[in-house]
């Protein structure tokens, strides 16, 4: 039976004291792999807004909370798989606070 291995990308973060009303990248180099799950952990004392293109408000992550975004939670027709693109940059904006905002992600490799 063929199996895939789940691997994690390197954790990236931004200090919430540098967050402003203008979008800034959490992971300026982008995702180094196409991920099936992206996780944003807001370990700061301020809510933040997320964008996946640097201009559109896409999500909100409340202070001291986590947002998991599973790209695919069930089977797709014709064995297609939904993934966040390799190179995808995730942006954050809000009010400067105390603490960090982290980005992690998970991808698969053939065994």
Protein backbone atom coordinates (compact mmCIF):
# COMPACT_ATOMS: atom_id res chain seq x y z
CA UNK A 1 0.00 0.00 0.00
CA UNK A 2 1.37 3.42 -1.00
CA UNK A 3 1.48 5.95 1.81
CA UNK A 4 2.40 9.61 2.02
CA UNK A 5 4.44 11.24 4.77
CA UNK A 6 3.18 14.41 6.44
CA UNK A 7 5.89 17.05 6.79
CA UNK A 8 5.88 20.55 8.29
CA UNK A 9 7.26 23.73 6.78
CA UNK A 10 9.57 25.88 8.89
CA UNK A 11 7.70 28.06 11.38
CA UNK A 12 7.71 31.79 10.55
CA UNK A 13 6.53 34.71 12.67
CA UNK A 14 6.11 38.44 12.93
CA UNK A 15 6.38 40.50 16.11
CA UNK A 16 2.96 42.04 16.72
CA UNK A 17 4.61 45.28 17.88
CA UNK A 18 5.50 45.87 14.20
CA UNK A 19 1.94 45.27 12.93
CA UNK A 20 0.17 48.31 11.50
CA UNK A 21 -2.88 49.16 9.43
CA UNK A 22 -0.99 48.14 6.28
CA UNK A 23 -0.53 44.48 5.30
CA UNK A 24 2.86 42.93 6.09
CA UNK A 25 4.00 39.41 5.20
CA UNK A 26 4.27 36.81 7.95
CA UNK A 27 6.29 34.65 5.53
CA UNK A 28 7.94 37.03 3.06
CA UNK A 29 9.59 34.16 1.13
CA UNK A 30 6.23 32.38 0.72
CA UNK A 31 5.37 28.77 1.55
CA UNK A 32 8.30 26.54 0.61
CA UNK A 33 5.91 23.66 -0.19
CA UNK A 34 2.30 23.35 -1.39
CA UNK A 35 0.41 22.88 1.90
CA UNK A 36 -2.83 21.08 2.64
CA UNK A 37 -3.11 22.93 5.99
CA UNK A 38 -2.04 26.43 6.97
CA UNK A 39 -2.19 27.49 10.64
CA UNK A 40 -1.98 31.06 11.96
CA UNK A 41 -1.42 31.36 15.71
CA UNK A 42 -2.03 34.82 17.08
CA UNK A 43 -0.13 34.78 20.39
CA UNK A 44 -0.57 38.54 20.75
CA UNK A 45 -2.99 40.71 22.67
CA UNK A 46 -4.54 42.25 19.51
CA UNK A 47 -6.89 40.89 16.84
CA UNK A 48 -5.39 40.76 13.34
CA UNK A 49 -6.78 40.61 9.81
CA UNK A 50 -5.29 38.18 7.28
CA UNK A 51 -4.92 38.47 3.53
CA UNK A 52 -3.76 35.94 0.97
CA UNK A 53 -3.03 38.60 -1.69
CA UNK A 54 -1.82 41.55 0.40
CA UNK A 55 -4.87 43.73 -0.25
CA UNK A 56 -8.11 41.79 0.32
CA UNK A 57 -9.32 41.19 3.89
CA UNK A 58 -9.81 37.39 4.01
CA UNK A 59 -9.85 36.28 7.67
CA UNK A 60 -9.66 37.56 11.23
CA UNK A 61 -7.62 35.88 13.96
CA UNK A 62 -8.65 36.98 17.42
CA UNK A 63 -6.05 37.76 20.08
CA UNK A 64 -4.59 34.62 21.68
CA UNK A 65 -6.30 32.26 19.27
CA UNK A 66 -5.49 29.98 16.34
CA UNK A 67 -6.93 29.71 12.85
CA UNK A 68 -6.53 26.43 10.95
CA UNK A 69 -7.28 26.62 7.23
CA UNK A 70 -7.51 23.10 5.78
CA UNK A 71 -7.32 23.43 2.00
CA UNK A 72 -9.16 20.16 1.54
CA UNK A 73 -11.26 18.30 4.05
CA UNK A 74 -12.75 15.62 1.80
CA UNK A 75 -12.22 13.80 -1.49
CA UNK A 76 -12.41 15.66 -4.78
CA UNK A 77 -13.55 14.26 -8.12
CA UNK A 78 -10.90 12.60 -10.28
CA UNK A 79 -8.44 12.39 -7.36
CA UNK A 80 -7.66 16.12 -7.53
CA UNK A 81 -6.21 17.69 -4.39
CA UNK A 82 -6.67 21.25 -3.14
CA UNK A 83 -3.48 22.83 -1.76
CA UNK A 84 -2.16 26.26 -0.85
CA UNK A 85 0.31 27.09 -3.62
CA UNK A 86 4.03 26.84 -3.08
CA UNK A 87 5.20 30.45 -2.75
CA UNK A 88 1.90 31.64 -1.21
CA UNK A 89 2.52 34.65 1.05
CA UNK A 90 0.22 35.27 4.03
CA UNK A 91 -0.19 38.86 5.18
CA UNK A 92 -1.36 40.39 8.45
CA UNK A 93 -2.54 43.85 9.51
CA UNK A 94 -4.00 45.32 12.68
CA UNK A 95 -2.98 47.30 15.72
CA UNK A 96 0.49 46.96 17.25
CA UNK A 97 0.44 44.71 20.29
CA UNK A 98 2.53 42.46 22.48
CA UNK A 99 3.47 38.93 21.41
CA UNK A 100 4.07 37.17 18.10
CA UNK A 101 1.94 35.95 15.21
CA UNK A 102 3.08 32.58 13.84
CA UNK A 103 2.50 30.75 10.57
CA UNK A 104 2.92 27.01 10.15
CA UNK A 105 1.90 24.62 7.42
CA UNK A 106 1.79 20.94 6.54
CA UNK A 107 2.34 19.10 3.26
CA UNK A 108 2.74 15.51 2.06
CA UNK A 109 5.54 13.64 0.36
CA UNK A 110 5.37 10.17 -1.18
CA UNK A 111 6.77 7.50 1.13
